[in-house]
Amino acid sequence: MTLSSCYQDLEVIAINDFSNISVGLNGLTSELDVKIYNPNFFPIQLHEAEISLRVRDVEAGDVTLVEMVELIAHDTSLVTFNVATRDGAIAQILKNDIFKFLKGEDVPFSASGKVIGKSWGMTVEVPLEHSQVISLRD
């Protein structure tokens, strides 16, 4: 019996809202905490994130792992991600929605993609989706 036949998908238990948000001339930075449950009898190491940060139609930035994380077997782990906009993204967002910004409306950010890990040579992927409106005026 192979390891892949015993594998159970990892479960995203909870996604906290973006935290430690900083908005400035260099863009937006934040953190995103995610609780992931590993139902398997073996640990899995998460080592990479392929998650994009979007505002409507603008690909605004990236969400990356703070550090490699080992998900312990039959346990829930807190995984922290860094969130950062790309150079010029905030200017593009404001340009596209200048009237909404002037009225004080918040901006809808969404993170979408997958987290990639490995265990005993087997690659594991966990889909991740999160949306939140953020004020760029603070």
N, C-alpha and C. Protein backbone atom coordinates (compact mmCIF):
# COMPACT_ATOMS: atom_id res chain seq x y z
N MET A 1 0.85 -1.18 0.00
CA MET A 1 0.00 0.00 0.00
C MET A 1 0.89 1.24 0.00
N THR A 2 0.61 2.18 -0.89
CA THR A 2 1.43 3.38 -1.00
C THR A 2 0.92 4.47 -0.06
N LEU A 3 1.82 5.42 0.21
CA LEU A 3 1.48 6.55 1.08
C LEU A 3 0.33 7.36 0.51
N SER A 4 0.32 7.54 -0.83
CA SER A 4 -0.73 8.36 -1.44
C SER A 4 -2.11 7.73 -1.29
N SER A 5 -2.21 6.42 -1.18
CA SER A 5 -3.52 5.80 -1.00
C SER A 5 -4.05 6.00 0.42
N CYS A 6 -3.16 6.30 1.37
CA CYS A 6 -3.56 6.56 2.76
C CYS A 6 -3.77 8.04 3.03
N TYR A 7 -3.39 8.88 2.08
CA TYR A 7 -3.43 10.33 2.29
C TYR A 7 -4.85 10.85 2.37
N GLN A 8 -5.08 11.76 3.35
CA GLN A 8 -6.35 12.49 3.48
C GLN A 8 -6.04 13.97 3.27
N ASP A 9 -6.91 14.68 2.55
CA ASP A 9 -6.70 16.10 2.28
C ASP A 9 -6.58 16.89 3.58
N LEU A 10 -5.68 17.87 3.57
CA LEU A 10 -5.56 18.79 4.70
C LEU A 10 -6.80 19.68 4.72
N GLU A 11 -7.20 20.12 5.90
CA GLU A 11 -8.41 20.92 6.04
C GLU A 11 -8.07 22.32 6.56
N VAL A 12 -8.54 23.34 5.84
CA VAL A 12 -8.43 24.71 6.34
C VAL A 12 -9.57 24.88 7.33
N ILE A 13 -9.21 25.03 8.60
CA ILE A 13 -10.20 25.14 9.68
C ILE A 13 -10.70 26.57 9.82
N ALA A 14 -9.79 27.54 9.78
CA ALA A 14 -10.17 28.95 9.94
C ALA A 14 -9.14 29.84 9.27
N ILE A 15 -9.62 30.95 8.72
CA ILE A 15 -8.76 31.98 8.17
C ILE A 15 -9.10 33.27 8.88
N ASN A 16 -8.13 33.82 9.59
CA ASN A 16 -8.33 35.10 10.27
C ASN A 16 -8.23 36.22 9.25
N ASP A 17 -8.85 37.35 9.54
CA ASP A 17 -8.74 38.50 8.65
C ASP A 17 -7.30 38.99 8.58
N PHE A 18 -7.00 39.75 7.54
CA PHE A 18 -5.67 40.35 7.42
C PHE A 18 -5.40 41.13 8.70
N SER A 19 -4.19 41.02 9.24
CA SER A 19 -3.85 41.71 10.48
C SER A 19 -2.53 42.46 10.31
N ASN A 20 -2.23 43.31 11.28
CA ASN A 20 -1.00 44.13 11.22
C ASN A 20 -0.88 44.84 9.87
N ILE A 21 -1.98 45.44 9.45
CA ILE A 21 -2.03 46.11 8.14
C ILE A 21 -1.28 47.43 8.20
N SER A 22 -0.43 47.62 7.21
CA SER A 22 0.31 48.86 7.07
C SER A 22 0.16 49.35 5.64
N VAL A 23 -0.32 50.58 5.49
CA VAL A 23 -0.50 51.16 4.16
C VAL A 23 0.37 52.41 4.09
N GLY A 24 1.21 52.49 3.06
CA GLY A 24 2.08 53.64 2.90
C GLY A 24 2.44 53.85 1.45
N LEU A 25 3.43 54.69 1.22
CA LEU A 25 3.87 54.97 -0.15
C LEU A 25 4.39 53.74 -0.87
N ASN A 26 4.91 52.79 -0.11
CA ASN A 26 5.44 51.56 -0.71
C ASN A 26 4.39 50.49 -0.91
N GLY A 27 3.14 50.78 -0.54
CA GLY A 27 2.07 49.83 -0.73
C GLY A 27 1.49 49.33 0.57
N LEU A 28 0.85 48.18 0.50
CA LEU A 28 0.21 47.58 1.66
C LEU A 28 0.96 46.33 2.06
N THR A 29 1.17 46.17 3.36
CA THR A 29 1.71 44.92 3.90
C THR A 29 0.79 44.46 5.02
N SER A 30 0.77 43.16 5.23
CA SER A 30 -0.12 42.60 6.23
C SER A 30 0.32 41.17 6.53
N GLU A 31 -0.39 40.57 7.47
CA GLU A 31 -0.21 39.15 7.76
C GLU A 31 -1.57 38.47 7.64
N LEU A 32 -1.54 37.18 7.36
CA LEU A 32 -2.74 36.38 7.26
C LEU A 32 -2.48 35.08 8.01
N ASP A 33 -3.27 34.80 9.05
CA ASP A 33 -3.12 33.58 9.84
C ASP A 33 -4.18 32.57 9.43
N VAL A 34 -3.74 31.33 9.20
CA VAL A 34 -4.62 30.27 8.76
C VAL A 34 -4.40 29.04 9.65
N LYS A 35 -5.49 28.45 10.13
CA LYS A 35 -5.41 27.21 10.90
C LYS A 35 -5.68 26.05 9.95
N ILE A 36 -4.71 25.11 9.90
CA ILE A 36 -4.83 23.96 9.00
C ILE A 36 -4.74 22.68 9.82
N TYR A 37 -5.67 21.76 9.57
CA TYR A 37 -5.69 20.47 10.26
C TYR A 37 -5.10 19.40 9.36
N ASN A 38 -4.20 18.61 9.93
CA ASN A 38 -3.59 17.49 9.23
C ASN A 38 -4.20 16.19 9.77
N PRO A 39 -5.13 15.56 9.03
CA PRO A 39 -5.79 14.35 9.51
C PRO A 39 -4.96 13.07 9.30
N ASN A 40 -3.79 13.21 8.71
CA ASN A 40 -2.96 12.05 8.37
C ASN A 40 -2.16 11.55 9.57
N PHE A 41 -1.64 10.35 9.44
CA PHE A 41 -0.82 9.76 10.50
C PHE A 41 0.65 10.12 10.37
N PHE A 42 0.95 11.02 9.43
CA PHE A 42 2.33 11.45 9.20
C PHE A 42 2.38 12.97 9.10
N PRO A 43 3.52 13.59 9.47
CA PRO A 43 3.64 15.05 9.36
C PRO A 43 3.81 15.48 7.90
N ILE A 44 3.44 16.72 7.63
CA ILE A 44 3.59 17.31 6.30
C ILE A 44 4.26 18.66 6.46
N GLN A 45 5.27 18.93 5.63
CA GLN A 45 5.97 20.21 5.69
C GLN A 45 5.48 21.12 4.57
N LEU A 46 4.89 22.25 4.97
CA LEU A 46 4.49 23.27 4.00
C LEU A 46 5.70 24.14 3.71
N HIS A 47 6.03 24.31 2.44
CA HIS A 47 7.26 25.03 2.10
C HIS A 47 7.07 26.15 1.08
N GLU A 48 5.89 26.25 0.50
CA GLU A 48 5.71 27.24 -0.57
C GLU A 48 4.25 27.65 -0.67
N ALA A 49 4.02 28.90 -1.07
CA ALA A 49 2.66 29.38 -1.32
C ALA A 49 2.61 30.00 -2.70
N GLU A 50 1.62 29.62 -3.47
CA GLU A 50 1.34 30.23 -4.77
C GLU A 50 -0.02 30.90 -4.65
N ILE A 51 -0.02 32.05 -3.97
CA ILE A 51 -1.26 32.76 -3.68
C ILE A 51 -1.14 34.19 -4.17
N SER A 52 -2.10 34.61 -4.97
CA SER A 52 -2.07 35.98 -5.47
C SER A 52 -3.06 36.85 -4.69
N LEU A 53 -2.72 38.11 -4.59
CA LEU A 53 -3.55 39.10 -3.93
C LEU A 53 -4.16 39.97 -5.03
N ARG A 54 -5.48 40.07 -5.02
CA ARG A 54 -6.17 40.82 -6.08
C ARG A 54 -7.11 41.87 -5.48
N VAL A 55 -7.31 42.92 -6.25
CA VAL A 55 -8.35 43.91 -5.99
C VAL A 55 -9.13 44.01 -7.28
N ARG A 56 -10.32 43.45 -7.27
CA ARG A 56 -11.15 43.36 -8.47
C ARG A 56 -10.33 42.72 -9.60
N ASP A 57 -10.06 43.47 -10.67
CA ASP A 57 -9.34 42.90 -11.82
C ASP A 57 -7.83 43.13 -11.76
N VAL A 58 -7.34 43.79 -10.72
CA VAL A 58 -5.91 44.10 -10.62
C VAL A 58 -5.21 43.05 -9.78
N GLU A 59 -4.20 42.40 -10.37
CA GLU A 59 -3.36 41.51 -9.57
C GLU A 59 -2.42 42.40 -8.78
N ALA A 60 -2.70 42.53 -7.50
CA ALA A 60 -2.08 43.56 -6.67
C ALA A 60 -0.83 43.12 -5.92
N GLY A 61 -0.68 41.82 -5.67
CA GLY A 61 0.47 41.41 -4.87
C GLY A 61 0.51 39.91 -4.66
N ASP A 62 1.26 39.53 -3.62
CA ASP A 62 1.49 38.12 -3.35
C ASP A 62 1.33 37.82 -1.87
N VAL A 63 1.00 36.58 -1.60
CA VAL A 63 0.90 36.06 -0.24
C VAL A 63 1.92 34.94 -0.14
N THR A 64 2.87 35.07 0.80
CA THR A 64 3.95 34.09 0.91
C THR A 64 4.03 33.54 2.33
N LEU A 65 4.58 32.36 2.46
CA LEU A 65 4.80 31.78 3.78
C LEU A 65 5.86 32.57 4.53
N VAL A 66 5.63 32.83 5.81
CA VAL A 66 6.64 33.49 6.63
C VAL A 66 7.84 32.57 6.78
N GLU A 67 7.57 31.27 7.02
CA GLU A 67 8.63 30.26 7.15
C GLU A 67 8.03 28.90 6.85
N MET A 68 8.90 27.92 6.59
CA MET A 68 8.44 26.56 6.37
C MET A 68 7.76 26.08 7.66
N VAL A 69 6.65 25.37 7.51
CA VAL A 69 5.87 24.93 8.66
C VAL A 69 5.67 23.42 8.59
N GLU A 70 5.89 22.74 9.71
CA GLU A 70 5.59 21.32 9.78
C GLU A 70 4.23 21.13 10.44
N LEU A 71 3.32 20.51 9.68
CA LEU A 71 2.00 20.19 10.21
C LEU A 71 2.10 18.84 10.89
N ILE A 72 1.91 18.82 12.19
CA ILE A 72 2.01 17.59 12.97
C ILE A 72 0.82 16.69 12.64
N ALA A 73 1.04 15.38 12.66
CA ALA A 73 -0.02 14.41 12.38
C ALA A 73 -1.17 14.56 13.38
N HIS A 74 -2.38 14.50 12.87
CA HIS A 74 -3.61 14.57 13.68
C HIS A 74 -3.65 15.81 14.58
N ASP A 75 -3.21 16.95 14.05
CA ASP A 75 -3.18 18.17 14.84
C ASP A 75 -3.50 19.38 13.95
N THR A 76 -3.91 20.48 14.60
CA THR A 76 -4.17 21.74 13.91
C THR A 76 -2.99 22.67 14.14
N SER A 77 -2.50 23.29 13.08
CA SER A 77 -1.36 24.21 13.17
C SER A 77 -1.76 25.58 12.67
N LEU A 78 -1.16 26.60 13.27
CA LEU A 78 -1.36 27.97 12.82
C LEU A 78 -0.24 28.31 11.84
N VAL A 79 -0.62 28.69 10.64
CA VAL A 79 0.33 29.02 9.58
C VAL A 79 0.18 30.51 9.28
N THR A 80 1.31 31.25 9.35
CA THR A 80 1.28 32.69 9.10
C THR A 80 1.87 33.00 7.73
N PHE A 81 1.18 33.88 7.01
CA PHE A 81 1.61 34.30 5.68
C PHE A 81 1.87 35.80 5.69
N ASN A 82 2.84 36.23 4.88
CA ASN A 82 3.09 37.66 4.63
C ASN A 82 2.27 38.06 3.42
N VAL A 83 1.65 39.22 3.50
CA VAL A 83 0.86 39.76 2.40
C VAL A 83 1.52 41.08 2.00
N ALA A 84 1.78 41.26 0.71
CA ALA A 84 2.41 42.50 0.25
C ALA A 84 1.96 42.82 -1.17
N THR A 85 1.64 44.11 -1.39
CA THR A 85 1.29 44.53 -2.74
C THR A 85 2.58 44.73 -3.54
N ARG A 86 2.44 44.67 -4.84
CA ARG A 86 3.57 44.91 -5.74
C ARG A 86 3.77 46.40 -5.93
N ASP A 87 4.95 46.78 -6.40
CA ASP A 87 5.24 48.19 -6.68
C ASP A 87 4.20 48.74 -7.67
N GLY A 88 3.62 49.86 -7.32
CA GLY A 88 2.67 50.53 -8.20
C GLY A 88 1.24 50.01 -8.12
N ALA A 89 1.01 48.94 -7.38
CA ALA A 89 -0.34 48.35 -7.33
C ALA A 89 -1.34 49.28 -6.66
N ILE A 90 -0.95 49.90 -5.56
CA ILE A 90 -1.87 50.80 -4.85
C ILE A 90 -2.25 51.97 -5.75
N ALA A 91 -1.28 52.52 -6.48
CA ALA A 91 -1.57 53.62 -7.40
C ALA A 91 -2.55 53.18 -8.48
N GLN A 92 -2.39 51.98 -9.01
CA GLN A 92 -3.30 51.45 -10.03
C GLN A 92 -4.70 51.26 -9.46
N ILE A 93 -4.76 50.74 -8.23
CA ILE A 93 -6.06 50.53 -7.58
C ILE A 93 -6.77 51.86 -7.37
N LEU A 94 -6.04 52.85 -6.86
CA LEU A 94 -6.64 54.17 -6.62
C LEU A 94 -7.06 54.82 -7.93
N LYS A 95 -6.25 54.66 -8.96
CA LYS A 95 -6.58 55.23 -10.27
C LYS A 95 -7.88 54.62 -10.81
N ASN A 96 -8.04 53.30 -10.66
CA ASN A 96 -9.23 52.63 -11.15
C ASN A 96 -10.48 53.00 -10.36
N ASP A 97 -10.32 53.31 -9.07
CA ASP A 97 -11.46 53.56 -8.20
C ASP A 97 -11.36 54.91 -7.48
N ILE A 98 -10.88 55.92 -8.15
CA ILE A 98 -10.62 57.20 -7.50
C ILE A 98 -11.88 57.79 -6.86
N PHE A 99 -13.03 57.66 -7.51
CA PHE A 99 -14.25 58.25 -6.95
C PHE A 99 -14.71 57.49 -5.71
N LYS A 100 -14.55 56.18 -5.72
CA LYS A 100 -14.90 55.39 -4.53
C LYS A 100 -13.95 55.73 -3.39
N PHE A 101 -12.67 55.90 -3.70
CA PHE A 101 -11.68 56.26 -2.68
C PHE A 101 -12.01 57.62 -2.07
N LEU A 102 -12.35 58.60 -2.91
CA LEU A 102 -12.67 59.94 -2.43
C LEU A 102 -13.92 59.95 -1.55
N LYS A 103 -14.85 59.00 -1.81
CA LYS A 103 -16.05 58.88 -0.98
C LYS A 103 -15.77 58.09 0.30
N GLY A 104 -14.54 57.59 0.45
CA GLY A 104 -14.18 56.87 1.67
C GLY A 104 -14.54 55.41 1.68
N GLU A 105 -14.88 54.84 0.53
CA GLU A 105 -15.24 53.43 0.48
C GLU A 105 -14.01 52.54 0.68
N ASP A 106 -14.23 51.39 1.29
CA ASP A 106 -13.15 50.43 1.51
C ASP A 106 -12.86 49.67 0.21
N VAL A 107 -11.71 49.02 0.18
CA VAL A 107 -11.25 48.32 -1.03
C VAL A 107 -11.33 46.81 -0.80
N PRO A 108 -11.95 46.06 -1.75
CA PRO A 108 -12.08 44.61 -1.57
C PRO A 108 -10.81 43.87 -2.02
N PHE A 109 -10.09 43.32 -1.07
CA PHE A 109 -8.90 42.51 -1.37
C PHE A 109 -9.29 41.04 -1.30
N SER A 110 -8.69 40.22 -2.16
CA SER A 110 -8.91 38.78 -2.09
C SER A 110 -7.59 38.05 -2.33
N ALA A 111 -7.41 36.98 -1.57
CA ALA A 111 -6.24 36.12 -1.71
C ALA A 111 -6.73 34.77 -2.21
N SER A 112 -6.09 34.27 -3.26
CA SER A 112 -6.54 33.02 -3.86
C SER A 112 -5.34 32.24 -4.39
N GLY A 113 -5.32 30.96 -4.10
CA GLY A 113 -4.23 30.12 -4.61
C GLY A 113 -4.11 28.85 -3.81
N LYS A 114 -2.86 28.40 -3.64
CA LYS A 114 -2.63 27.15 -2.92
C LYS A 114 -1.33 27.20 -2.15
N VAL A 115 -1.29 26.39 -1.11
CA VAL A 115 -0.08 26.18 -0.31
C VAL A 115 0.43 24.80 -0.68
N ILE A 116 1.75 24.69 -0.84
CA ILE A 116 2.34 23.44 -1.30
C ILE A 116 3.25 22.87 -0.22
N GLY A 117 3.13 21.57 -0.01
CA GLY A 117 3.95 20.89 0.98
C GLY A 117 4.41 19.54 0.48
N LYS A 118 5.18 18.86 1.32
CA LYS A 118 5.68 17.53 0.98
C LYS A 118 5.72 16.66 2.22
N SER A 119 5.60 15.37 1.98
CA SER A 119 5.81 14.38 3.02
C SER A 119 6.24 13.10 2.33
N TRP A 120 7.38 12.60 2.72
CA TRP A 120 7.93 11.35 2.20
C TRP A 120 7.95 11.33 0.67
N GLY A 121 8.29 12.46 0.06
CA GLY A 121 8.40 12.56 -1.39
C GLY A 121 7.09 12.85 -2.10
N MET A 122 5.99 12.84 -1.40
CA MET A 122 4.68 13.10 -2.00
C MET A 122 4.36 14.60 -1.88
N THR A 123 3.94 15.21 -2.98
CA THR A 123 3.56 16.62 -2.97
C THR A 123 2.10 16.76 -2.56
N VAL A 124 1.85 17.76 -1.68
CA VAL A 124 0.53 18.01 -1.15
C VAL A 124 0.16 19.47 -1.45
N GLU A 125 -1.07 19.71 -1.87
CA GLU A 125 -1.54 21.07 -2.14
C GLU A 125 -2.79 21.35 -1.33
N VAL A 126 -2.85 22.55 -0.77
CA VAL A 126 -4.01 22.98 0.01
C VAL A 126 -4.56 24.26 -0.63
N PRO A 127 -5.79 24.24 -1.14
CA PRO A 127 -6.37 25.47 -1.70
C PRO A 127 -6.67 26.48 -0.60
N LEU A 128 -6.51 27.76 -0.93
CA LEU A 128 -6.74 28.82 0.05
C LEU A 128 -7.45 29.98 -0.63
N GLU A 129 -8.55 30.44 -0.03
CA GLU A 129 -9.33 31.57 -0.54
C GLU A 129 -9.71 32.46 0.64
N HIS A 130 -9.51 33.77 0.50
CA HIS A 130 -9.94 34.70 1.55
C HIS A 130 -10.23 36.05 0.91
N SER A 131 -11.32 36.68 1.33
CA SER A 131 -11.68 38.02 0.86
C SER A 131 -11.96 38.92 2.06
N GLN A 132 -11.61 40.18 1.91
CA GLN A 132 -11.82 41.15 2.99
C GLN A 132 -11.74 42.56 2.41
N VAL A 133 -12.59 43.45 2.92
CA VAL A 133 -12.49 44.84 2.52
C VAL A 133 -11.57 45.56 3.51
N ILE A 134 -10.71 46.42 2.97
CA ILE A 134 -9.71 47.13 3.77
C ILE A 134 -9.77 48.61 3.42
N SER A 135 -9.66 49.44 4.42
CA SER A 135 -9.61 50.89 4.21
C SER A 135 -8.18 51.29 3.89
N LEU A 136 -7.99 52.02 2.81
CA LEU A 136 -6.65 52.53 2.47
C LEU A 136 -6.43 53.92 3.06
N ARG A 137 -7.40 54.43 3.79
CA ARG A 137 -7.30 55.78 4.34
C ARG A 137 -6.67 55.79 5.73
N ASP A 138 -6.62 54.67 6.42
CA ASP A 138 -6.10 54.65 7.79
C ASP A 138 -4.61 54.82 7.84
